[in-house]
Protein backbone atom coordinates (compact mmCIF):
# COMPACT_ATOMS: atom_id res chain seq x y z
CA MET A 1 108.01 49.69 63.82
CA ILE A 2 107.56 47.24 66.72
CA PHE A 3 109.23 48.02 70.03
CA LYS A 4 110.27 45.20 72.26
CA PRO A 5 109.66 45.64 75.98
CA LEU A 6 112.77 46.67 77.90
CA THR A 7 114.10 43.90 80.08
CA LEU A 8 116.70 44.28 82.77
CA LYS A 9 119.14 41.63 83.82
CA PRO A 10 118.79 40.35 87.39
CA ALA A 11 122.11 41.96 88.37
CA VAL A 12 120.93 45.38 87.14
CA LEU A 13 117.65 44.97 89.00
CA LEU A 14 119.51 44.15 92.21
CA VAL A 15 121.76 47.21 91.84
CA SER A 16 118.77 49.46 91.17
CA LEU A 17 116.94 48.07 94.19
CA ALA A 18 120.02 48.56 96.36
CA ILE A 19 120.30 52.21 95.26
CA MET A 20 116.65 52.83 96.03
CA LEU A 21 116.88 51.24 99.44
CA GLY A 22 120.11 53.12 100.14
CA SER A 23 118.45 56.43 99.28
CA VAL A 24 115.60 55.67 101.65
CA ALA A 25 118.03 54.76 104.39
CA VAL A 26 120.07 57.95 103.89
CA ALA A 27 116.93 60.10 103.88
CA GLN A 28 115.75 58.43 107.08
CA HIS A 29 119.18 58.93 108.64
CA LEU A 30 119.17 62.65 107.75
CA LYS A 31 115.61 63.19 109.00
CA PRO A 32 115.81 65.59 111.95
CA SER A 33 114.98 64.07 115.29
CA LYS A 34 115.66 67.01 117.65
CA TYR A 35 114.18 70.48 118.01
CA TRP A 36 116.42 73.54 117.68
CA ALA A 37 114.31 75.10 120.43
CA ASP A 38 115.50 72.39 122.82
CA HIS A 39 119.08 73.36 121.98
CA THR A 40 118.63 77.12 122.43
CA GLY A 41 115.75 77.11 124.88
CA GLU A 42 112.17 77.98 123.98
CA PRO A 43 111.35 81.69 124.31
CA ASP A 44 108.70 83.17 126.58
CA TYR A 45 108.02 86.55 125.03
CA GLU A 46 105.74 87.62 127.87
CA LYS A 47 108.85 87.63 130.04
CA LEU A 48 111.42 88.66 127.41
CA ILE A 49 109.74 91.86 126.17
CA PRO A 50 110.09 94.71 128.69
CA HIS A 51 107.03 96.78 129.64
CA ARG A 52 108.99 100.01 129.16
CA PHE A 53 112.23 100.93 127.44
CA GLY A 54 113.77 104.07 126.00
CA GLU A 55 110.96 106.52 125.23
CA TRP A 56 108.34 103.76 125.09
CA GLU A 57 105.83 102.53 127.64
CA GLU A 58 103.26 99.76 127.39
CA VAL A 59 99.61 100.77 127.20
CA PRO A 60 97.61 98.26 129.32
CA TYR A 61 94.51 96.70 127.77
CA ALA A 62 95.16 98.31 124.37
CA ASN A 63 95.71 95.21 122.24
CA ARG A 64 92.28 94.87 120.64
CA GLY A 65 93.48 96.71 117.55
CA VAL A 66 96.41 94.36 116.96
CA VAL A 67 95.62 92.10 114.03
CA ASN A 68 96.09 88.40 114.83
CA PRO A 69 98.68 86.70 112.58
CA VAL A 70 96.10 84.21 111.27
CA GLN A 71 92.51 83.23 111.85
CA GLU A 72 91.77 81.85 115.32
CA GLU A 73 91.22 78.25 114.20
CA ASN A 74 94.77 78.01 112.86
CA LEU A 75 96.58 79.63 115.77
CA LYS A 76 97.13 76.47 117.81
CA ARG A 77 98.10 74.40 114.76
CA ILE A 78 100.72 76.80 113.43
CA TYR A 79 102.00 78.66 116.48
CA SER A 80 103.41 77.57 119.79
CA GLN A 81 103.04 81.09 121.14
CA THR A 82 101.54 84.44 120.12
CA PHE A 83 102.17 87.76 121.79
CA ALA A 84 100.73 91.28 121.35
CA ARG A 85 101.28 94.58 123.11
CA THR A 86 100.76 98.27 122.33
CA PHE A 87 103.33 100.88 123.33
CA VAL A 88 103.06 104.65 123.39
CA HIS A 89 105.93 106.88 122.27
CA LYS A 90 105.95 109.37 125.14
CA PRO A 91 107.39 112.38 123.26
CA THR A 92 104.81 112.20 120.44
CA GLY A 93 101.90 110.19 121.88
CA ARG A 94 101.94 107.86 118.87
CA GLY A 95 100.96 104.24 119.52
CA MET A 96 102.98 101.31 118.19
CA MET A 97 101.53 97.80 118.03
CA LEU A 98 103.90 94.88 118.48
CA SER A 99 102.93 91.35 117.46
CA ILE A 100 105.13 88.27 117.78
CA ALA A 101 104.23 84.78 116.58
CA TYR A 102 106.46 81.81 117.43
CA GLY A 103 106.47 78.33 115.93
CA ARG A 104 108.53 75.56 117.51
CA ASP A 105 108.44 73.45 114.33
CA GLN A 106 108.87 75.18 110.97
CA THR A 107 108.10 72.23 108.70
CA ASN A 108 106.07 72.96 105.58
CA ASP A 109 102.59 72.49 107.06
CA THR A 110 103.30 74.57 110.16
CA GLN A 111 105.24 77.49 108.70
CA LEU A 112 104.68 80.99 110.00
CA HIS A 113 102.14 82.97 107.99
CA THR A 114 103.45 86.33 106.81
CA PRO A 115 101.37 89.54 106.93
CA ASP A 116 101.31 89.45 103.11
CA GLN A 117 99.05 86.41 103.51
CA CYS A 118 97.10 87.08 106.70
CA TYR A 119 96.17 90.74 106.27
CA PRO A 120 94.25 90.16 103.00
CA SER A 121 92.51 87.18 104.62
CA GLN A 122 91.06 89.62 107.17
CA GLY A 123 89.84 92.16 104.64
CA PHE A 124 92.91 94.37 104.27
CA ARG A 125 94.37 95.47 100.93
CA VAL A 126 98.14 95.49 100.57
CA GLU A 127 98.75 98.73 98.72
CA LYS A 128 102.56 98.66 98.73
CA ARG A 129 105.32 96.21 99.58
CA ASP A 130 109.06 96.91 99.88
CA ASP A 131 112.02 94.75 100.89
CA VAL A 132 114.41 96.70 103.13
CA ASP A 133 117.64 96.11 105.00
CA LEU A 134 116.82 97.53 108.40
CA ALA A 135 119.82 98.88 110.35
CA SER A 136 119.97 97.42 113.85
CA PRO A 137 122.41 96.93 116.75
CA VAL A 138 123.21 93.45 115.39
CA GLY A 139 123.63 94.49 111.76
CA PRO A 140 121.19 94.77 108.85
CA LEU A 141 117.93 92.83 109.21
CA LYS A 142 116.14 91.54 106.11
CA ALA A 143 112.76 93.15 106.69
CA VAL A 144 109.60 93.82 104.71
CA ARG A 145 107.45 96.95 104.79
CA LEU A 146 103.76 96.91 103.88
CA ILE A 147 101.17 99.63 103.62
CA THR A 148 97.74 98.09 104.23
CA MET A 149 94.23 99.50 104.12
CA LEU A 150 90.99 98.24 105.65
CA GLY A 151 88.15 99.90 103.79
CA THR A 152 88.77 103.61 103.37
CA GLU A 153 89.42 104.53 107.00
CA ARG A 154 92.09 102.30 108.54
CA LYS A 155 95.57 102.69 107.11
CA GLU A 156 98.10 100.44 108.84
CA PRO A 157 101.74 100.62 107.69
CA LEU A 158 103.84 97.81 109.13
CA THR A 159 107.35 96.41 109.26
CA TYR A 160 108.09 92.73 109.79
CA PHE A 161 110.91 90.23 109.68
CA ILE A 162 111.23 86.50 110.29
CA ARG A 163 113.83 84.62 112.30
CA VAL A 164 114.31 81.01 111.22
CA GLY A 165 116.69 79.08 113.43
CA ASP A 166 119.55 81.47 114.02
CA ALA A 167 119.12 83.81 111.06
CA VAL A 168 116.72 86.50 109.88
CA THR A 169 115.47 85.48 106.45
CA ARG A 170 113.33 86.96 103.70
CA GLY A 171 111.35 84.81 101.29
CA SER A 172 110.64 81.09 101.15
CA LYS A 173 113.96 80.16 99.53
CA GLU A 174 115.99 81.61 102.38
CA ARG A 175 113.70 80.08 104.96
CA ASN A 176 114.00 76.66 103.30
CA LEU A 177 117.79 77.00 103.17
CA GLU A 178 117.95 77.63 106.91
CA ARG A 179 115.71 74.62 107.54
CA ILE A 180 117.98 72.43 105.42
CA LYS A 181 121.14 73.72 107.13
CA LEU A 182 119.82 72.80 110.56
CA ALA A 183 118.26 69.56 109.31
CA LEU A 184 121.74 68.44 108.25
CA ARG A 185 122.75 68.94 111.87
CA GLY A 186 119.75 66.86 112.98
CA TYR A 187 117.46 69.67 114.09
CA LEU A 188 113.89 70.69 113.34
CA VAL A 189 114.06 74.46 113.08
CA ASP A 190 111.91 76.99 114.95
CA GLY A 191 110.85 80.45 113.81
CA THR A 192 109.61 83.84 114.98
CA LEU A 193 107.59 86.44 113.10
CA PHE A 194 108.20 89.92 114.51
CA ARG A 195 105.81 92.67 113.38
CA VAL A 196 105.45 96.34 114.28
CA SER A 197 102.56 98.46 112.97
CA GLU A 198 100.75 101.74 113.53
CA VAL A 199 97.31 102.95 112.51
CA THR A 200 98.15 106.30 110.93
CA ARG A 201 97.73 108.38 107.82
CA ARG A 202 101.17 109.91 108.08
CA ASP A 203 103.30 109.99 104.95
CA ASP A 204 106.41 109.05 106.96
CA PRO A 205 105.36 106.19 109.31
CA PHE A 206 108.46 104.02 109.09
CA PRO A 207 111.24 106.02 110.84
CA LEU A 208 109.43 105.69 114.17
CA GLN A 209 108.89 101.96 113.54
CA ASP A 210 112.64 101.61 112.96
CA GLN A 211 113.30 103.53 116.19
CA PHE A 212 110.92 101.29 118.12
CA ILE A 213 112.63 98.13 116.85
CA ASN A 214 116.10 99.45 117.61
CA ASP A 215 115.17 100.80 121.04
CA LEU A 216 113.68 97.43 121.95
CA LEU A 217 116.67 95.43 120.72
CA LYS A 218 119.09 97.72 122.56
CA ALA A 219 117.12 97.32 125.78
CA MET A 220 117.27 93.51 125.70
CA PRO A 221 120.19 91.38 126.92
CA ALA A 222 122.08 89.74 124.06
CA HIS A 223 120.80 86.26 124.92
CA ASP A 224 117.16 87.37 125.02
CA ARG A 225 117.59 89.40 121.83
CA GLY A 226 118.69 86.21 120.09
CA TYR A 227 115.14 84.86 120.29
CA ILE A 228 114.11 87.70 117.98
CA VAL A 229 117.06 88.17 115.62
CA GLY A 230 119.14 85.01 116.08
CA LYS A 231 122.90 85.47 115.85
CA ARG A 232 123.51 83.37 118.94
CA GLU A 233 126.43 81.11 119.66
CA SER A 234 125.40 77.56 118.72
């Protein structure tokens, strides 16, 4: 059987070309041109996070044990700001490490790296992972818990969550949805990775991590808290 090449009439070609050009024009029109951070203000976590709150007090010069979110060469490319502090729980003497990574532009090539990715890249094994809805003063937060090990000695359980735009999200689908929602309003979305961890061999490490997160959020003014959990008036 011989097939004849498909030929299109000039009118059909013109319509097809018009559709293609129209799609390009619409895509260009919908391409975000503003930063959400310019709308809400860009956070300065050095000023936003208090040095003491509730039963917690910062331990000066104790941040060497806090794992960086990614390798040093990628920090400037991915993050606009990184922040790390260690706090002591005065009643128990337990130390809690807080790490915050902020990205002004959450497009695909500059997305925040989650601990699921960065801990293994630094030699840790992720031994367990659980999705949790963490109770907080602003409602449930979609958080992730990991138990990580470095060699046989360092066990570091951690809790983290990610704010994208004005919502706490879990997983790439939710993060992409928030980016699309703000892109339709003309904004390039920002994001914050909030992580709390403790080097401990306790079987019950997470209740105190939950307390730390809630004590911190309660101690912050609502506007400042929005840079961590969103839920701000827009």
